[in-house]
Amino acid sequence: MSQAIRLVDASVTDAGALAAAGERLFVQAYGKFSRPDDIQLHVEQYFGRENVLAELQKQGVSYTIAYDDDAIAGFMKISRGPTPDSIPAAEAIEVQQLYVDANRQRKGVGRSLMDRAVATARQEGHAGLWLSVWQDADWATGFYEAYGYRRAGTAEFRLGKSLFADHLMWLALE
């Protein structure tokens, strides 16, 4: 791993690379916890190239790619839109996806991406950031709590045909 992670704002030309990274990193993170058919449905729905391309073109949605040399070490998708009732501010950015390659975890990639999300929220005048995370993903919940997020509620998450419970988490910006 190189010394510095390079963050790049994604464009439509990155759709294929983001789709491949999304599938690979999602399966890395959750593949062993879910049924293969559920994983396949989720990957097709959220990480298919055409879906990623459409998301890249949506108003209020942006992706940041973290590169380690020329390899994608992780990525983040943020979205601006309505917040759930349990989130204490109507003007907040959602960290909709944040994935880091398993071989690069605990090396600052996730923190670099989250720092970028916070900087974006501040620049745009948002009161904070929110996200949802699977309640059994202790590794992810621990990262978010160490970063300063606090639990603010729960939500259901559909993965393929299965239903899971997520924590809704909130980070207030001062």
C-alpha atoms as a PDB file:
ATOM      1  CA  MET A   1       0.000   0.000   0.000  1.00  0.00           C
ATOM      2  CA  SER A   2       1.294   3.429  -0.882  1.00  0.00           C
ATOM      3  CA  GLN A   3       1.759   6.176   1.687  1.00  0.00           C
ATOM      4  CA  ALA A   4      -1.049   8.421   0.447  1.00  0.00           C
ATOM      5  CA  ILE A   5      -4.573   7.583  -0.564  1.00  0.00           C
ATOM      6  CA  ARG A   6      -5.696   9.677  -3.504  1.00  0.00           C
ATOM      7  CA  LEU A   7      -9.381  10.754  -3.519  1.00  0.00           C
ATOM      8  CA  VAL A   8     -11.049  11.464  -6.847  1.00  0.00           C
ATOM      9  CA  ASP A   9     -14.558  12.742  -7.573  1.00  0.00           C
ATOM     10  CA  ALA A  10     -16.106  10.145  -9.877  1.00  0.00           C
ATOM     11  CA  SER A  11     -17.614  10.962 -13.262  1.00  0.00           C
ATOM     12  CA  VAL A  12     -19.661   8.978 -15.755  1.00  0.00           C
ATOM     13  CA  THR A  13     -16.433   7.614 -17.234  1.00  0.00           C
ATOM     14  CA  ASP A  14     -15.888   5.792 -13.924  1.00  0.00           C
ATOM     15  CA  ALA A  15     -19.198   3.881 -14.048  1.00  0.00           C
ATOM     16  CA  GLY A  16     -17.687   0.557 -15.099  1.00  0.00           C
ATOM     17  CA  ALA A  17     -14.869   0.700 -12.544  1.00  0.00           C
ATOM     18  CA  LEU A  18     -17.274   1.741  -9.773  1.00  0.00           C
ATOM     19  CA  ALA A  19     -19.712  -1.041 -10.675  1.00  0.00           C
ATOM     20  CA  ALA A  20     -16.944  -3.656 -10.551  1.00  0.00           C
ATOM     21  CA  ALA A  21     -15.553  -2.265  -7.300  1.00  0.00           C
ATOM     22  CA  GLY A  22     -19.027  -2.052  -5.775  1.00  0.00           C
ATOM     23  CA  GLU A  23     -19.779  -5.670  -6.535  1.00  0.00           C
ATOM     24  CA  ARG A  24     -16.390  -6.877  -5.315  1.00  0.00           C
ATOM     25  CA  LEU A  25     -16.379  -4.842  -2.099  1.00  0.00           C
ATOM     26  CA  PHE A  26     -20.028  -5.536  -1.232  1.00  0.00           C
ATOM     27  CA  VAL A  27     -19.490  -9.276  -1.627  1.00  0.00           C
ATOM     28  CA  GLN A  28     -16.313  -8.998   0.474  1.00  0.00           C
ATOM     29  CA  ALA A  29     -18.209  -7.250   3.254  1.00  0.00           C
ATOM     30  CA  TYR A  30     -21.503  -9.126   3.284  1.00  0.00           C
ATOM     31  CA  GLY A  31     -21.216 -12.231   1.118  1.00  0.00           C
ATOM     32  CA  LYS A  32     -20.605 -14.616   3.999  1.00  0.00           C
ATOM     33  CA  PHE A  33     -23.591 -13.282   5.963  1.00  0.00           C
ATOM     34  CA  SER A  34     -26.316 -13.623   3.343  1.00  0.00           C
ATOM     35  CA  ARG A  35     -27.812 -16.091   0.926  1.00  0.00           C
ATOM     36  CA  PRO A  36     -26.016 -16.144  -2.456  1.00  0.00           C
ATOM     37  CA  ASP A  37     -29.247 -15.413  -4.358  1.00  0.00           C
ATOM     38  CA  ASP A  38     -29.904 -12.350  -2.149  1.00  0.00           C
ATOM     39  CA  ILE A  39     -26.356 -11.093  -2.716  1.00  0.00           C
ATOM     40  CA  GLN A  40     -26.713 -11.604  -6.467  1.00  0.00           C
ATOM     41  CA  LEU A  41     -30.027  -9.689  -6.605  1.00  0.00           C
ATOM     42  CA  HIS A  42     -28.580  -6.827  -4.571  1.00  0.00           C
ATOM     43  CA  VAL A  43     -25.422  -6.595  -6.653  1.00  0.00           C
ATOM     44  CA  GLU A  44     -27.420  -6.589  -9.896  1.00  0.00           C
ATOM     45  CA  GLN A  45     -29.767  -3.898  -8.587  1.00  0.00           C
ATOM     46  CA  TYR A  46     -27.251  -1.531  -7.001  1.00  0.00           C
ATOM     47  CA  PHE A  47     -23.915  -2.249  -8.638  1.00  0.00           C
ATOM     48  CA  GLY A  48     -24.848  -2.994 -12.221  1.00  0.00           C
ATOM     49  CA  ARG A  49     -22.995  -0.676 -14.600  1.00  0.00           C
ATOM     50  CA  GLU A  50     -26.193   0.930 -15.926  1.00  0.00           C
ATOM     51  CA  ASN A  51     -27.472   1.622 -12.406  1.00  0.00           C
ATOM     52  CA  VAL A  52     -24.176   3.178 -11.336  1.00  0.00           C
ATOM     53  CA  LEU A  53     -24.137   5.270 -14.513  1.00  0.00           C
ATOM     54  CA  ALA A  54     -27.683   6.498 -13.785  1.00  0.00           C
ATOM     55  CA  GLU A  55     -26.718   7.331 -10.183  1.00  0.00           C
ATOM     56  CA  LEU A  56     -23.674   9.282 -11.377  1.00  0.00           C
ATOM     57  CA  GLN A  57     -26.006  11.425 -13.489  1.00  0.00           C
ATOM     58  CA  LYS A  58     -28.548  12.121 -10.722  1.00  0.00           C
ATOM     59  CA  GLN A  59     -28.813  15.563  -9.210  1.00  0.00           C
ATOM     60  CA  GLY A  60     -27.658  15.476  -5.580  1.00  0.00           C
ATOM     61  CA  VAL A  61     -25.674  12.235  -5.829  1.00  0.00           C
ATOM     62  CA  SER A  62     -21.893  12.040  -5.919  1.00  0.00           C
ATOM     63  CA  TYR A  63     -19.226   9.383  -5.619  1.00  0.00           C
ATOM     64  CA  THR A  64     -15.663   9.628  -4.374  1.00  0.00           C
ATOM     65  CA  ILE A  65     -13.150   6.947  -5.278  1.00  0.00           C
ATOM     66  CA  ALA A  66     -10.155   6.234  -3.044  1.00  0.00           C
ATOM     67  CA  TYR A  67      -7.139   5.067  -5.003  1.00  0.00           C
ATOM     68  CA  ASP A  68      -4.079   3.349  -3.627  1.00  0.00           C
ATOM     69  CA  ASP A  69      -1.646   3.759  -6.512  1.00  0.00           C
ATOM     70  CA  ASP A  70      -3.880   2.746  -9.461  1.00  0.00           C
ATOM     71  CA  ALA A  71      -6.106   0.318  -7.534  1.00  0.00           C
ATOM     72  CA  ILE A  72      -9.504   1.236  -6.115  1.00  0.00           C
ATOM     73  CA  ALA A  73      -9.047   0.928  -2.356  1.00  0.00           C
ATOM     74  CA  GLY A  74     -12.615   2.016  -1.595  1.00  0.00           C
ATOM     75  CA  PHE A  75     -15.377   4.379  -2.556  1.00  0.00           C
ATOM     76  CA  MET A  76     -18.207   6.414  -1.102  1.00  0.00           C
ATOM     77  CA  LYS A  77     -21.571   7.523  -2.438  1.00  0.00           C
ATOM     78  CA  ILE A  78     -23.291  10.505  -0.847  1.00  0.00           C
ATOM     79  CA  SER A  79     -26.795  11.709  -1.501  1.00  0.00           C
ATOM     80  CA  ARG A  80     -28.676  14.870  -0.704  1.00  0.00           C
ATOM     81  CA  GLY A  81     -32.363  14.446  -0.022  1.00  0.00           C
ATOM     82  CA  PRO A  82     -34.974  13.895   2.647  1.00  0.00           C
ATOM     83  CA  THR A  83     -33.903  12.494   6.008  1.00  0.00           C
ATOM     84  CA  PRO A  84     -35.737   9.928   8.144  1.00  0.00           C
ATOM     85  CA  ASP A  85     -37.795  11.308  11.024  1.00  0.00           C
ATOM     86  CA  SER A  86     -35.298  10.053  13.618  1.00  0.00           C
ATOM     87  CA  ILE A  87     -32.470  12.148  12.139  1.00  0.00           C
ATOM     88  CA  PRO A  88     -32.389  15.470  14.028  1.00  0.00           C
ATOM     89  CA  ALA A  89     -31.872  17.749  11.000  1.00  0.00           C
ATOM     90  CA  ALA A  90     -33.723  18.067   7.729  1.00  0.00           C
ATOM     91  CA  GLU A  91     -30.598  19.373   5.980  1.00  0.00           C
ATOM     92  CA  ALA A  92     -28.147  16.496   6.125  1.00  0.00           C
ATOM     93  CA  ILE A  93     -26.092  14.497   3.659  1.00  0.00           C
ATOM     94  CA  GLU A  94     -26.593  10.743   3.551  1.00  0.00           C
ATOM     95  CA  VAL A  95     -23.528   8.565   3.298  1.00  0.00           C
ATOM     96  CA  GLN A  96     -25.349   5.989   1.215  1.00  0.00           C
ATOM     97  CA  GLN A  97     -22.424   3.664   0.498  1.00  0.00           C
ATOM     98  CA  LEU A  98     -18.943   3.454   1.947  1.00  0.00           C
ATOM     99  CA  TYR A  99     -16.852   0.408   1.141  1.00  0.00           C
ATOM    100  CA  VAL A 100     -13.164  -0.275   1.697  1.00  0.00           C
ATOM    101  CA  ASP A 101     -11.204  -3.194   0.301  1.00  0.00           C
ATOM    102  CA  ALA A 102     -10.643  -5.778   3.052  1.00  0.00           C
ATOM    103  CA  ASN A 103      -6.868  -5.665   2.463  1.00  0.00           C
ATOM    104  CA  ARG A 104      -6.838  -1.907   3.028  1.00  0.00           C
ATOM    105  CA  GLN A 105      -9.029  -1.612   6.113  1.00  0.00           C
ATOM    106  CA  ARG A 106      -7.546   0.068   9.180  1.00  0.00           C
ATOM    107  CA  LYS A 107      -5.157   2.004   6.947  1.00  0.00           C
ATOM    108  CA  GLY A 108      -7.033   5.322   6.776  1.00  0.00           C
ATOM    109  CA  VAL A 109      -9.067   4.757   3.603  1.00  0.00           C
ATOM    110  CA  GLY A 110     -12.467   4.882   5.326  1.00  0.00           C
ATOM    111  CA  ARG A 111     -11.444   7.877   7.424  1.00  0.00           C
ATOM    112  CA  SER A 112     -10.214   9.727   4.327  1.00  0.00           C
ATOM    113  CA  LEU A 113     -13.528   9.111   2.581  1.00  0.00           C
ATOM    114  CA  MET A 114     -15.526  10.156   5.650  1.00  0.00           C
ATOM    115  CA  ASP A 115     -13.385  13.286   6.046  1.00  0.00           C
ATOM    116  CA  ARG A 116     -14.308  14.149   2.437  1.00  0.00           C
ATOM    117  CA  ALA A 117     -18.016  13.660   3.229  1.00  0.00           C
ATOM    118  CA  VAL A 118     -17.760  15.950   6.268  1.00  0.00           C
ATOM    119  CA  ALA A 119     -15.921  18.606   4.247  1.00  0.00           C
ATOM    120  CA  THR A 120     -18.615  18.423   1.559  1.00  0.00           C
ATOM    121  CA  ALA A 121     -21.411  18.723   4.125  1.00  0.00           C
ATOM    122  CA  ARG A 122     -19.751  21.748   5.723  1.00  0.00           C
ATOM    123  CA  GLN A 123     -19.107  23.412   2.370  1.00  0.00           C
ATOM    124  CA  GLU A 124     -22.747  22.927   1.364  1.00  0.00           C
ATOM    125  CA  GLY A 125     -24.057  24.181   4.716  1.00  0.00           C
ATOM    126  CA  HIS A 126     -25.591  20.939   5.988  1.00  0.00           C
ATOM    127  CA  ALA A 127     -26.155  20.397   9.697  1.00  0.00           C
ATOM    128  CA  GLY A 128     -24.713  16.897   9.635  1.00  0.00           C
ATOM    129  CA  LEU A 129     -24.467  13.517   7.998  1.00  0.00           C
ATOM    130  CA  TRP A 130     -26.471  10.362   8.416  1.00  0.00           C
ATOM    131  CA  LEU A 131     -26.259   6.757   7.301  1.00  0.00           C
ATOM    132  CA  SER A 132     -27.762   3.358   7.840  1.00  0.00           C
ATOM    133  CA  VAL A 133     -25.703   0.305   8.745  1.00  0.00           C
ATOM    134  CA  TRP A 134     -26.648  -3.312   9.315  1.00  0.00           C
ATOM    135  CA  GLN A 135     -27.117  -3.879  13.055  1.00  0.00           C
ATOM    136  CA  ASP A 136     -24.917  -6.992  13.010  1.00  0.00           C
ATOM    137  CA  ALA A 137     -22.026  -5.274  11.183  1.00  0.00           C
ATOM    138  CA  ASP A 138     -20.059  -4.557  14.349  1.00  0.00           C
ATOM    139  CA  TRP A 139     -16.931  -3.673  12.346  1.00  0.00           C
ATOM    140  CA  ALA A 140     -18.800  -0.925  10.472  1.00  0.00           C
ATOM    141  CA  THR A 141     -20.812   0.333  13.437  1.00  0.00           C
ATOM    142  CA  GLY A 142     -17.609   0.523  15.475  1.00  0.00           C
ATOM    143  CA  PHE A 143     -15.904   2.582  12.761  1.00  0.00           C
ATOM    144  CA  TYR A 144     -18.806   5.034  12.563  1.00  0.00           C
ATOM    145  CA  GLU A 145     -19.070   5.390  16.342  1.00  0.00           C
ATOM    146  CA  ALA A 146     -15.313   5.974  16.631  1.00  0.00           C
ATOM    147  CA  TYR A 147     -15.696   8.675  13.983  1.00  0.00           C
ATOM    148  CA  GLY A 148     -18.365  10.380  16.104  1.00  0.00           C
ATOM    149  CA  TYR A 149     -21.668   9.057  14.747  1.00  0.00           C
ATOM    150  CA  ARG A 150     -24.415   8.276  17.253  1.00  0.00           C
ATOM    151  CA  ARG A 151     -27.346   5.911  16.876  1.00  0.00           C
ATOM    152  CA  ALA A 152     -30.545   7.760  16.091  1.00  0.00           C
ATOM    153  CA  GLY A 153     -33.051   5.062  15.219  1.00  0.00           C
ATOM    154  CA  THR A 154     -33.609   1.932  13.182  1.00  0.00           C
ATOM    155  CA  ALA A 155     -34.782   1.055   9.690  1.00  0.00           C
ATOM    156  CA  GLU A 156     -35.478  -2.032   7.634  1.00  0.00           C
ATOM    157  CA  PHE A 157     -33.090  -2.953   4.828  1.00  0.00           C
ATOM    158  CA  ARG A 158     -33.994  -5.323   2.029  1.00  0.00           C
ATOM    159  CA  LEU A 159     -31.182  -7.437   0.646  1.00  0.00           C
ATOM    160  CA  GLY A 160     -32.583  -9.427  -2.234  1.00  0.00           C
ATOM    161  CA  LYS A 161     -35.597 -11.194  -0.745  1.00  0.00           C
ATOM    162  CA  SER A 162     -34.391 -11.003   2.873  1.00  0.00           C
ATOM    163  CA  LEU A 163     -35.143  -8.270   5.373  1.00  0.00           C
ATOM    164  CA  PHE A 164     -32.537  -6.966   7.843  1.00  0.00           C
ATOM    165  CA  ALA A 165     -32.496  -4.364  10.601  1.00  0.00           C
ATOM    166  CA  ASP A 166     -30.232  -1.328  10.284  1.00  0.00           C
ATOM    167  CA  HIS A 167     -29.094   1.325  12.729  1.00  0.00           C
ATOM    168  CA  LEU A 168     -29.697   4.877  11.585  1.00  0.00           C
ATOM    169  CA  MET A 169     -26.694   6.922  12.656  1.00  0.00           C
ATOM    170  CA  TRP A 170     -26.182  10.679  12.863  1.00  0.00           C
ATOM    171  CA  LEU A 171     -23.121  12.916  12.946  1.00  0.00           C
ATOM    172  CA  ALA A 172     -23.816  16.520  13.929  1.00  0.00           C
ATOM    173  CA  LEU A 173     -21.527  19.187  12.502  1.00  0.00           C
ATOM    174  CA  GLU A 174     -20.678  22.037  14.846  1.00  0.00           C
END
